[in-house]
mmCIF file of all heavy atoms, coordinates in Angstrom:
data_MODEL
# 
_entry.id   MODEL 
# 
loop_
_atom_site.group_PDB 
_atom_site.id 
_atom_site.type_symbol 
_atom_site.label_atom_id 
_atom_site.label_alt_id 
_atom_site.label_comp_id 
_atom_site.label_asym_id 
_atom_site.label_entity_id 
_atom_site.label_seq_id 
_atom_site.pdbx_PDB_ins_code 
_atom_site.Cartn_x 
_atom_site.Cartn_y 
_atom_site.Cartn_z 
_atom_site.occupancy 
_atom_site.B_iso_or_equiv 
_atom_site.pdbx_formal_charge 
_atom_site.auth_seq_id 
_atom_site.auth_comp_id 
_atom_site.auth_asym_id 
_atom_site.auth_atom_id 
_atom_site.pdbx_PDB_model_num 
ATOM 1   N N   . GLY A 1 1  ? 16.549 0.263   13.092 1.00 0.00 ? 1  GLY A N   1 
ATOM 2   C CA  . GLY A 1 1  ? 16.134 0.540   11.693 1.00 0.00 ? 1  GLY A CA  1 
ATOM 3   C C   . GLY A 1 1  ? 15.407 1.872   11.560 1.00 0.00 ? 1  GLY A C   1 
ATOM 4   O O   . GLY A 1 1  ? 14.548 2.324   12.418 1.00 0.00 ? 1  GLY A O   1 
ATOM 5   N N   . TRP A 1 2  ? 15.736 2.591   10.481 1.00 0.00 ? 2  TRP A N   1 
ATOM 6   C CA  . TRP A 1 2  ? 15.091 3.898   10.168 1.00 0.00 ? 2  TRP A CA  1 
ATOM 7   C C   . TRP A 1 2  ? 13.902 3.784   9.301  1.00 0.00 ? 2  TRP A C   1 
ATOM 8   O O   . TRP A 1 2  ? 13.724 2.814   8.563  1.00 0.00 ? 2  TRP A O   1 
ATOM 9   C CB  . TRP A 1 2  ? 16.214 4.788   9.479  1.00 0.00 ? 2  TRP A CB  1 
ATOM 10  C CG  . TRP A 1 2  ? 17.366 5.193   10.317 1.00 0.00 ? 2  TRP A CG  1 
ATOM 11  C CD1 . TRP A 1 2  ? 18.621 4.729   10.089 1.00 0.00 ? 2  TRP A CD1 1 
ATOM 12  C CD2 . TRP A 1 2  ? 17.355 6.136   11.384 1.00 0.00 ? 2  TRP A CD2 1 
ATOM 13  N NE1 . TRP A 1 2  ? 19.462 5.344   11.031 1.00 0.00 ? 2  TRP A NE1 1 
ATOM 14  C CE2 . TRP A 1 2  ? 18.696 6.237   11.798 1.00 0.00 ? 2  TRP A CE2 1 
ATOM 15  C CE3 . TRP A 1 2  ? 16.417 6.934   11.993 1.00 0.00 ? 2  TRP A CE3 1 
ATOM 16  C CZ2 . TRP A 1 2  ? 19.053 7.034   12.866 1.00 0.00 ? 2  TRP A CZ2 1 
ATOM 17  C CZ3 . TRP A 1 2  ? 16.788 7.689   12.998 1.00 0.00 ? 2  TRP A CZ3 1 
ATOM 18  C CH2 . TRP A 1 2  ? 18.124 7.780   13.480 1.00 0.00 ? 2  TRP A CH2 1 
ATOM 19  N N   . THR A 1 3  ? 13.040 4.741   9.378  1.00 0.00 ? 3  THR A N   1 
ATOM 20  C CA  . THR A 1 3  ? 11.840 4.903   8.450  1.00 0.00 ? 3  THR A CA  1 
ATOM 21  C C   . THR A 1 3  ? 11.753 6.397   8.000  1.00 0.00 ? 3  THR A C   1 
ATOM 22  O O   . THR A 1 3  ? 11.873 7.250   8.852  1.00 0.00 ? 3  THR A O   1 
ATOM 23  C CB  . THR A 1 3  ? 10.585 4.510   9.157  1.00 0.00 ? 3  THR A CB  1 
ATOM 24  O OG1 . THR A 1 3  ? 10.615 3.095   9.459  1.00 0.00 ? 3  THR A OG1 1 
ATOM 25  C CG2 . THR A 1 3  ? 9.379  4.719   8.192  1.00 0.00 ? 3  THR A CG2 1 
ATOM 26  N N   . LEU A 1 4  ? 11.596 6.636   6.796  1.00 0.00 ? 4  LEU A N   1 
ATOM 27  C CA  . LEU A 1 4  ? 11.471 7.890   6.189  1.00 0.00 ? 4  LEU A CA  1 
ATOM 28  C C   . LEU A 1 4  ? 10.074 7.943   5.549  1.00 0.00 ? 4  LEU A C   1 
ATOM 29  O O   . LEU A 1 4  ? 9.775  7.098   4.753  1.00 0.00 ? 4  LEU A O   1 
ATOM 30  C CB  . LEU A 1 4  ? 12.470 8.305   5.156  1.00 0.00 ? 4  LEU A CB  1 
ATOM 31  C CG  . LEU A 1 4  ? 13.947 8.535   5.700  1.00 0.00 ? 4  LEU A CG  1 
ATOM 32  C CD1 . LEU A 1 4  ? 14.901 8.642   4.534  1.00 0.00 ? 4  LEU A CD1 1 
ATOM 33  C CD2 . LEU A 1 4  ? 14.033 9.688   6.616  1.00 0.00 ? 4  LEU A CD2 1 
ATOM 34  N N   . ASP A 1 5  ? 9.271  9.006   5.935  1.00 0.00 ? 5  ASP A N   1 
ATOM 35  C CA  . ASP A 1 5  ? 7.972  9.198   5.324  1.00 0.00 ? 5  ASP A CA  1 
ATOM 36  C C   . ASP A 1 5  ? 7.976  10.541  4.575  1.00 0.00 ? 5  ASP A C   1 
ATOM 37  O O   . ASP A 1 5  ? 8.369  11.565  5.197  1.00 0.00 ? 5  ASP A O   1 
ATOM 38  C CB  . ASP A 1 5  ? 6.853  9.170   6.311  1.00 0.00 ? 5  ASP A CB  1 
ATOM 39  C CG  . ASP A 1 5  ? 6.552  7.814   6.841  1.00 0.00 ? 5  ASP A CG  1 
ATOM 40  O OD1 . ASP A 1 5  ? 6.797  6.870   6.150  1.00 0.00 ? 5  ASP A OD1 1 
ATOM 41  O OD2 . ASP A 1 5  ? 6.208  7.731   8.058  1.00 0.00 ? 5  ASP A OD2 1 
ATOM 42  N N   . PHE A 1 6  ? 7.454  10.566  3.329  1.00 0.00 ? 6  PHE A N   1 
ATOM 43  C CA  . PHE A 1 6  ? 7.355  11.830  2.620  1.00 0.00 ? 6  PHE A CA  1 
ATOM 44  C C   . PHE A 1 6  ? 5.840  11.881  2.120  1.00 0.00 ? 6  PHE A C   1 
ATOM 45  O O   . PHE A 1 6  ? 5.437  11.033  1.388  1.00 0.00 ? 6  PHE A O   1 
ATOM 46  C CB  . PHE A 1 6  ? 8.248  11.885  1.369  1.00 0.00 ? 6  PHE A CB  1 
ATOM 47  C CG  . PHE A 1 6  ? 9.676  11.802  1.747  1.00 0.00 ? 6  PHE A CG  1 
ATOM 48  C CD1 . PHE A 1 6  ? 10.320 10.543  1.863  1.00 0.00 ? 6  PHE A CD1 1 
ATOM 49  C CD2 . PHE A 1 6  ? 10.410 12.916  2.053  1.00 0.00 ? 6  PHE A CD2 1 
ATOM 50  C CE1 . PHE A 1 6  ? 11.741 10.408  2.226  1.00 0.00 ? 6  PHE A CE1 1 
ATOM 51  C CE2 . PHE A 1 6  ? 11.752 12.799  2.415  1.00 0.00 ? 6  PHE A CE2 1 
ATOM 52  C CZ  . PHE A 1 6  ? 12.445 11.599  2.461  1.00 0.00 ? 6  PHE A CZ  1 
ATOM 53  N N   . GLY A 1 7  ? 5.131  12.930  2.639  1.00 0.00 ? 7  GLY A N   1 
ATOM 54  C CA  . GLY A 1 7  ? 3.769  13.147  2.325  1.00 0.00 ? 7  GLY A CA  1 
ATOM 55  C C   . GLY A 1 7  ? 2.819  12.619  3.391  1.00 0.00 ? 7  GLY A C   1 
ATOM 56  O O   . GLY A 1 7  ? 3.260  11.865  4.293  1.00 0.00 ? 7  GLY A O   1 
ATOM 57  N N   . THR A 1 8  ? 1.562  12.814  3.135  1.00 0.00 ? 8  THR A N   1 
ATOM 58  C CA  . THR A 1 8  ? 0.444  12.356  3.994  1.00 0.00 ? 8  THR A CA  1 
ATOM 59  C C   . THR A 1 8  ? -0.570 11.788  3.066  1.00 0.00 ? 8  THR A C   1 
ATOM 60  O O   . THR A 1 8  ? -0.655 12.061  1.846  1.00 0.00 ? 8  THR A O   1 
ATOM 61  C CB  . THR A 1 8  ? -0.100 13.319  4.875  1.00 0.00 ? 8  THR A CB  1 
ATOM 62  O OG1 . THR A 1 8  ? -0.501 14.552  4.107  1.00 0.00 ? 8  THR A OG1 1 
ATOM 63  C CG2 . THR A 1 8  ? 0.952  13.866  5.895  1.00 0.00 ? 8  THR A CG2 1 
ATOM 64  N N   . SER A 1 9  ? -1.573 11.060  3.612  1.00 0.00 ? 9  SER A N   1 
ATOM 65  C CA  . SER A 1 9  ? -2.608 10.561  2.768  1.00 0.00 ? 9  SER A CA  1 
ATOM 66  C C   . SER A 1 9  ? -3.295 11.624  2.037  1.00 0.00 ? 9  SER A C   1 
ATOM 67  O O   . SER A 1 9  ? -3.524 12.725  2.486  1.00 0.00 ? 9  SER A O   1 
ATOM 68  C CB  . SER A 1 9  ? -3.640 9.852   3.739  1.00 0.00 ? 9  SER A CB  1 
ATOM 69  O OG  . SER A 1 9  ? -4.690 9.226   2.975  1.00 0.00 ? 9  SER A OG  1 
ATOM 70  N N   . PRO A 1 10 ? -3.557 11.438  0.656  1.00 0.00 ? 10 PRO A N   1 
ATOM 71  C CA  . PRO A 1 10 ? -3.708 10.114  0.027  1.00 0.00 ? 10 PRO A CA  1 
ATOM 72  C C   . PRO A 1 10 ? -2.467 9.578   -0.631 1.00 0.00 ? 10 PRO A C   1 
ATOM 73  O O   . PRO A 1 10 ? -2.630 8.558   -1.443 1.00 0.00 ? 10 PRO A O   1 
ATOM 74  C CB  . PRO A 1 10 ? -4.787 10.468  -1.011 1.00 0.00 ? 10 PRO A CB  1 
ATOM 75  C CG  . PRO A 1 10 ? -4.564 11.918  -1.426 1.00 0.00 ? 10 PRO A CG  1 
ATOM 76  C CD  . PRO A 1 10 ? -4.089 12.532  -0.144 1.00 0.00 ? 10 PRO A CD  1 
ATOM 77  N N   . PHE A 1 11 ? -1.272 10.166  -0.509 1.00 0.00 ? 11 PHE A N   1 
ATOM 78  C CA  . PHE A 1 11 ? -0.134 9.680   -1.166 1.00 0.00 ? 11 PHE A CA  1 
ATOM 79  C C   . PHE A 1 11 ? 1.084  9.773   -0.232 1.00 0.00 ? 11 PHE A C   1 
ATOM 80  O O   . PHE A 1 11 ? 1.496  10.922  0.118  1.00 0.00 ? 11 PHE A O   1 
ATOM 81  C CB  . PHE A 1 11 ? 0.063  10.448  -2.451 1.00 0.00 ? 11 PHE A CB  1 
ATOM 82  C CG  . PHE A 1 11 ? 1.406  10.041  -3.123 1.00 0.00 ? 11 PHE A CG  1 
ATOM 83  C CD1 . PHE A 1 11 ? 1.705  8.749   -3.372 1.00 0.00 ? 11 PHE A CD1 1 
ATOM 84  C CD2 . PHE A 1 11 ? 2.230  11.073  -3.575 1.00 0.00 ? 11 PHE A CD2 1 
ATOM 85  C CE1 . PHE A 1 11 ? 2.825  8.354   -3.995 1.00 0.00 ? 11 PHE A CE1 1 
ATOM 86  C CE2 . PHE A 1 11 ? 3.482  10.705  -4.194 1.00 0.00 ? 11 PHE A CE2 1 
ATOM 87  C CZ  . PHE A 1 11 ? 3.778  9.360   -4.435 1.00 0.00 ? 11 PHE A CZ  1 
ATOM 88  N N   . VAL A 1 12 ? 1.789  8.710   0.018  1.00 0.00 ? 12 VAL A N   1 
ATOM 89  C CA  . VAL A 1 12 ? 2.915  8.702   0.934  1.00 0.00 ? 12 VAL A CA  1 
ATOM 90  C C   . VAL A 1 12 ? 3.963  7.884   0.211  1.00 0.00 ? 12 VAL A C   1 
ATOM 91  O O   . VAL A 1 12 ? 3.706  6.769   -0.332 1.00 0.00 ? 12 VAL A O   1 
ATOM 92  C CB  . VAL A 1 12 ? 2.568  8.129   2.360  1.00 0.00 ? 12 VAL A CB  1 
ATOM 93  C CG1 . VAL A 1 12 ? 3.911  8.089   3.203  1.00 0.00 ? 12 VAL A CG1 1 
ATOM 94  C CG2 . VAL A 1 12 ? 1.470  8.870   3.013  1.00 0.00 ? 12 VAL A CG2 1 
ATOM 95  N N   . ILE A 1 13 ? 5.189  8.392   0.252  1.00 0.00 ? 13 ILE A N   1 
ATOM 96  C CA  . ILE A 1 13 ? 6.400  7.599   -0.058 1.00 0.00 ? 13 ILE A CA  1 
ATOM 97  C C   . ILE A 1 13 ? 7.138  7.226   1.215  1.00 0.00 ? 13 ILE A C   1 
ATOM 98  O O   . ILE A 1 13 ? 7.448  8.087   1.936  1.00 0.00 ? 13 ILE A O   1 
ATOM 99  C CB  . ILE A 1 13 ? 7.361  8.402   -1.029 1.00 0.00 ? 13 ILE A CB  1 
ATOM 100 C CG1 . ILE A 1 13 ? 6.751  8.768   -2.371 1.00 0.00 ? 13 ILE A CG1 1 
ATOM 101 C CG2 . ILE A 1 13 ? 8.644  7.599   -1.248 1.00 0.00 ? 13 ILE A CG2 1 
ATOM 102 C CD1 . ILE A 1 13 ? 7.566  9.645   -3.239 1.00 0.00 ? 13 ILE A CD1 1 
ATOM 103 N N   . ARG A 1 14 ? 7.196  5.947   1.415  1.00 0.00 ? 14 ARG A N   1 
ATOM 104 C CA  . ARG A 1 14 ? 7.847  5.469   2.648  1.00 0.00 ? 14 ARG A CA  1 
ATOM 105 C C   . ARG A 1 14 ? 9.052  4.581   2.268  1.00 0.00 ? 14 ARG A C   1 
ATOM 106 O O   . ARG A 1 14 ? 8.902  3.771   1.449  1.00 0.00 ? 14 ARG A O   1 
ATOM 107 C CB  . ARG A 1 14 ? 6.825  4.679   3.489  1.00 0.00 ? 14 ARG A CB  1 
ATOM 108 C CG  . ARG A 1 14 ? 7.401  4.087   4.773  1.00 0.00 ? 14 ARG A CG  1 
ATOM 109 C CD  . ARG A 1 14 ? 6.221  3.482   5.671  1.00 0.00 ? 14 ARG A CD  1 
ATOM 110 N NE  . ARG A 1 14 ? 5.135  4.416   5.950  1.00 0.00 ? 14 ARG A NE  1 
ATOM 111 C CZ  . ARG A 1 14 ? 3.973  4.459   5.483  1.00 0.00 ? 14 ARG A CZ  1 
ATOM 112 N NH1 . ARG A 1 14 ? 3.612  3.562   4.528  1.00 0.00 ? 14 ARG A NH1 1 
ATOM 113 N NH2 . ARG A 1 14 ? 3.194  5.441   5.860  1.00 0.00 ? 14 ARG A NH2 1 
ATOM 114 N N   . MET A 1 15 ? 10.130 4.783   3.053  1.00 0.00 ? 15 MET A N   1 
ATOM 115 C CA  . MET A 1 15 ? 11.288 3.880   2.872  1.00 0.00 ? 15 MET A CA  1 
ATOM 116 C C   . MET A 1 15 ? 11.741 3.490   4.281  1.00 0.00 ? 15 MET A C   1 
ATOM 117 O O   . MET A 1 15 ? 11.885 4.314   5.112  1.00 0.00 ? 15 MET A O   1 
ATOM 118 C CB  . MET A 1 15 ? 12.373 4.552   1.974  1.00 0.00 ? 15 MET A CB  1 
ATOM 119 C CG  . MET A 1 15 ? 12.789 5.936   2.368  1.00 0.00 ? 15 MET A CG  1 
ATOM 120 S SD  . MET A 1 15 ? 13.793 6.752   1.223  1.00 0.00 ? 15 MET A SD  1 
ATOM 121 C CE  . MET A 1 15 ? 12.621 7.030   -0.123 1.00 0.00 ? 15 MET A CE  1 
ATOM 122 N N   . TYR A 1 16 ? 12.125 2.207   4.400  1.00 0.00 ? 16 TYR A N   1 
ATOM 123 C CA  . TYR A 1 16 ? 12.555 1.751   5.727  1.00 0.00 ? 16 TYR A CA  1 
ATOM 124 C C   . TYR A 1 16 ? 13.431 0.553   5.627  1.00 0.00 ? 16 TYR A C   1 
ATOM 125 O O   . TYR A 1 16 ? 13.534 -0.077  4.527  1.00 0.00 ? 16 TYR A O   1 
ATOM 126 C CB  . TYR A 1 16 ? 11.321 1.441   6.583  1.00 0.00 ? 16 TYR A CB  1 
ATOM 127 C CG  . TYR A 1 16 ? 10.363 0.392   6.038  1.00 0.00 ? 16 TYR A CG  1 
ATOM 128 C CD1 . TYR A 1 16 ? 10.425 -0.946  6.466  1.00 0.00 ? 16 TYR A CD1 1 
ATOM 129 C CD2 . TYR A 1 16 ? 9.403  0.821   5.119  1.00 0.00 ? 16 TYR A CD2 1 
ATOM 130 C CE1 . TYR A 1 16 ? 9.609  -1.850  5.959  1.00 0.00 ? 16 TYR A CE1 1 
ATOM 131 C CE2 . TYR A 1 16 ? 8.483  -0.135  4.661  1.00 0.00 ? 16 TYR A CE2 1 
ATOM 132 C CZ  . TYR A 1 16 ? 8.629  -1.498  5.034  1.00 0.00 ? 16 TYR A CZ  1 
ATOM 133 O OH  . TYR A 1 16 ? 7.709  -2.424  4.613  1.00 0.00 ? 16 TYR A OH  1 
ATOM 134 N N   . ASP A 1 17 ? 14.176 0.183   6.671  1.00 0.00 ? 17 ASP A N   1 
ATOM 135 C CA  . ASP A 1 17 ? 15.061 -0.918  6.835  1.00 0.00 ? 17 ASP A CA  1 
ATOM 136 C C   . ASP A 1 17 ? 14.223 -2.201  7.024  1.00 0.00 ? 17 ASP A C   1 
ATOM 137 O O   . ASP A 1 17 ? 13.864 -2.438  8.238  1.00 0.00 ? 17 ASP A O   1 
ATOM 138 C CB  . ASP A 1 17 ? 15.957 -0.619  8.048  1.00 0.00 ? 17 ASP A CB  1 
ATOM 139 C CG  . ASP A 1 17 ? 17.195 -1.605  8.014  1.00 0.00 ? 17 ASP A CG  1 
ATOM 140 O OD1 . ASP A 1 17 ? 16.960 -2.773  7.604  1.00 0.00 ? 17 ASP A OD1 1 
ATOM 141 O OD2 . ASP A 1 17 ? 18.241 -1.213  8.345  1.00 0.00 ? 17 ASP A OD2 1 
ATOM 142 N N   . LYS A 1 18 ? 13.971 -2.840  5.937  1.00 0.00 ? 18 LYS A N   1 
ATOM 143 C CA  . LYS A 1 18 ? 13.063 -4.075  6.038  1.00 0.00 ? 18 LYS A CA  1 
ATOM 144 C C   . LYS A 1 18 ? 13.800 -5.207  6.830  1.00 0.00 ? 18 LYS A C   1 
ATOM 145 O O   . LYS A 1 18 ? 13.142 -5.910  7.593  1.00 0.00 ? 18 LYS A O   1 
ATOM 146 C CB  . LYS A 1 18 ? 12.738 -4.526  4.656  1.00 0.00 ? 18 LYS A CB  1 
ATOM 147 C CG  . LYS A 1 18 ? 11.743 -5.624  4.568  1.00 0.00 ? 18 LYS A CG  1 
ATOM 148 C CD  . LYS A 1 18 ? 10.336 -5.235  5.045  1.00 0.00 ? 18 LYS A CD  1 
ATOM 149 C CE  . LYS A 1 18 ? 9.377  -6.382  4.893  1.00 0.00 ? 18 LYS A CE  1 
ATOM 150 N NZ  . LYS A 1 18 ? 8.041  -6.001  5.379  1.00 0.00 ? 18 LYS A NZ  1 
ATOM 151 N N   . ALA A 1 19 ? 15.101 -5.382  6.600  1.00 0.00 ? 19 ALA A N   1 
ATOM 152 C CA  . ALA A 1 19 ? 15.801 -6.432  7.286  1.00 0.00 ? 19 ALA A CA  1 
ATOM 153 C C   . ALA A 1 19 ? 15.683 -6.293  8.814  1.00 0.00 ? 19 ALA A C   1 
ATOM 154 O O   . ALA A 1 19 ? 15.388 -7.258  9.508  1.00 0.00 ? 19 ALA A O   1 
ATOM 155 C CB  . ALA A 1 19 ? 17.225 -6.467  6.853  1.00 0.00 ? 19 ALA A CB  1 
ATOM 156 N N   . LYS A 1 20 ? 15.955 -5.025  9.298  1.00 0.00 ? 20 LYS A N   1 
ATOM 157 C CA  . LYS A 1 20 ? 15.944 -4.894  10.817 1.00 0.00 ? 20 LYS A CA  1 
ATOM 158 C C   . LYS A 1 20 ? 14.548 -4.992  11.320 1.00 0.00 ? 20 LYS A C   1 
ATOM 159 O O   . LYS A 1 20 ? 14.221 -5.500  12.440 1.00 0.00 ? 20 LYS A O   1 
ATOM 160 C CB  . LYS A 1 20 ? 16.527 -3.541  11.128 1.00 0.00 ? 20 LYS A CB  1 
ATOM 161 C CG  . LYS A 1 20 ? 18.043 -3.543  10.947 1.00 0.00 ? 20 LYS A CG  1 
ATOM 162 C CD  . LYS A 1 20 ? 18.652 -2.155  11.332 1.00 0.00 ? 20 LYS A CD  1 
ATOM 163 C CE  . LYS A 1 20 ? 20.152 -2.222  11.176 1.00 0.00 ? 20 LYS A CE  1 
ATOM 164 N NZ  . LYS A 1 20 ? 20.820 -0.966  11.593 1.00 0.00 ? 20 LYS A NZ  1 
ATOM 165 N N   . GLU A 1 21 ? 13.537 -4.495  10.511 1.00 0.00 ? 21 GLU A N   1 
ATOM 166 C CA  . GLU A 1 21 ? 12.093 -4.666  10.924 1.00 0.00 ? 21 GLU A CA  1 
ATOM 167 C C   . GLU A 1 21 ? 11.779 -6.122  11.126 1.00 0.00 ? 21 GLU A C   1 
ATOM 168 O O   . GLU A 1 21 ? 11.126 -6.468  12.150 1.00 0.00 ? 21 GLU A O   1 
ATOM 169 C CB  . GLU A 1 21 ? 11.187 -3.906  9.941  1.00 0.00 ? 21 GLU A CB  1 
ATOM 170 C CG  . GLU A 1 21 ? 9.687  -4.131  10.257 1.00 0.00 ? 21 GLU A CG  1 
ATOM 171 C CD  . GLU A 1 21 ? 8.853  -4.225  9.026  1.00 0.00 ? 21 GLU A CD  1 
ATOM 172 O OE1 . GLU A 1 21 ? 9.100  -5.042  8.078  1.00 0.00 ? 21 GLU A OE1 1 
ATOM 173 O OE2 . GLU A 1 21 ? 7.867  -3.455  9.004  1.00 0.00 ? 21 GLU A OE2 1 
ATOM 174 N N   . GLN A 1 22 ? 12.142 -6.976  10.147 1.00 0.00 ? 22 GLN A N   1 
ATOM 175 C CA  . GLN A 1 22 ? 11.757 -8.352  10.206 1.00 0.00 ? 22 GLN A CA  1 
ATOM 176 C C   . GLN A 1 22 ? 12.584 -9.011  11.445 1.00 0.00 ? 22 GLN A C   1 
ATOM 177 O O   . GLN A 1 22 ? 12.027 -9.998  11.989 1.00 0.00 ? 22 GLN A O   1 
ATOM 178 C CB  . GLN A 1 22 ? 12.076 -9.048  8.928  1.00 0.00 ? 22 GLN A CB  1 
ATOM 179 C CG  . GLN A 1 22 ? 11.193 -8.512  7.828  1.00 0.00 ? 22 GLN A CG  1 
ATOM 180 C CD  . GLN A 1 22 ? 9.680  -8.829  8.134  1.00 0.00 ? 22 GLN A CD  1 
ATOM 181 O OE1 . GLN A 1 22 ? 9.256  -9.984  8.184  1.00 0.00 ? 22 GLN A OE1 1 
ATOM 182 N NE2 . GLN A 1 22 ? 8.900  -7.827  8.271  1.00 0.00 ? 22 GLN A NE2 1 
ATOM 183 N N   . GLU A 1 23 ? 13.794 -8.696  11.630 1.00 0.00 ? 23 GLU A N   1 
ATOM 184 C CA  . GLU A 1 23 ? 14.626 -9.232  12.678 1.00 0.00 ? 23 GLU A CA  1 
ATOM 185 C C   . GLU A 1 23 ? 13.914 -8.997  14.073 1.00 0.00 ? 23 GLU A C   1 
ATOM 186 O O   . GLU A 1 23 ? 13.864 -9.955  14.855 1.00 0.00 ? 23 GLU A O   1 
ATOM 187 C CB  . GLU A 1 23 ? 16.006 -8.562  12.725 1.00 0.00 ? 23 GLU A CB  1 
ATOM 188 C CG  . GLU A 1 23 ? 17.014 -9.283  11.793 1.00 0.00 ? 23 GLU A CG  1 
ATOM 189 C CD  . GLU A 1 23 ? 18.332 -8.631  11.940 1.00 0.00 ? 23 GLU A CD  1 
ATOM 190 O OE1 . GLU A 1 23 ? 18.508 -7.487  12.547 1.00 0.00 ? 23 GLU A OE1 1 
ATOM 191 O OE2 . GLU A 1 23 ? 19.398 -9.359  11.664 1.00 0.00 ? 23 GLU A OE2 1 
ATOM 192 N N   . GLN A 1 24 ? 13.337 -7.836  14.244 1.00 0.00 ? 24 GLN A N   1 
ATOM 193 C CA  . GLN A 1 24 ? 12.724 -7.572  15.439 1.00 0.00 ? 24 GLN A CA  1 
ATOM 194 C C   . GLN A 1 24 ? 11.437 -8.371  15.766 1.00 0.00 ? 24 GLN A C   1 
ATOM 195 O O   . GLN A 1 24 ? 11.025 -8.618  16.873 1.00 0.00 ? 24 GLN A O   1 
ATOM 196 C CB  . GLN A 1 24 ? 12.381 -6.113  15.639 1.00 0.00 ? 24 GLN A CB  1 
ATOM 197 C CG  . GLN A 1 24 ? 13.597 -5.180  15.708 1.00 0.00 ? 24 GLN A CG  1 
ATOM 198 C CD  . GLN A 1 24 ? 13.242 -3.655  15.738 1.00 0.00 ? 24 GLN A CD  1 
ATOM 199 O OE1 . GLN A 1 24 ? 12.471 -3.243  16.468 1.00 0.00 ? 24 GLN A OE1 1 
ATOM 200 N NE2 . GLN A 1 24 ? 13.751 -3.004  14.714 1.00 0.00 ? 24 GLN A NE2 1 
ATOM 201 N N   . LYS A 1 25 ? 10.916 -8.951  14.639 1.00 0.00 ? 25 LYS A N   1 
ATOM 202 C CA  . LYS A 1 25 ? 9.708  -9.749  14.642 1.00 0.00 ? 25 LYS A CA  1 
ATOM 203 C C   . LYS A 1 25 ? 10.104 -11.256 14.715 1.00 0.00 ? 25 LYS A C   1 
ATOM 204 O O   . LYS A 1 25 ? 9.249  -12.095 14.663 1.00 0.00 ? 25 LYS A O   1 
ATOM 205 C CB  . LYS A 1 25 ? 8.827  -9.439  13.515 1.00 0.00 ? 25 LYS A CB  1 
ATOM 206 C CG  . LYS A 1 25 ? 8.232  -8.012  13.494 1.00 0.00 ? 25 LYS A CG  1 
ATOM 207 C CD  . LYS A 1 25 ? 7.398  -7.890  12.255 1.00 0.00 ? 25 LYS A CD  1 
ATOM 208 C CE  . LYS A 1 25 ? 6.819  -6.465  12.214 1.00 0.00 ? 25 LYS A CE  1 
ATOM 209 N NZ  . LYS A 1 25 ? 5.992  -6.244  10.949 1.00 0.00 ? 25 LYS A NZ  1 
# 
């Protein structure tokens, strides 16, 4: 699964493969 981060604190847009993240758990 991929994760993309745009920005740093105090504001971040994050998008990721939720299905694969949960499968690994």
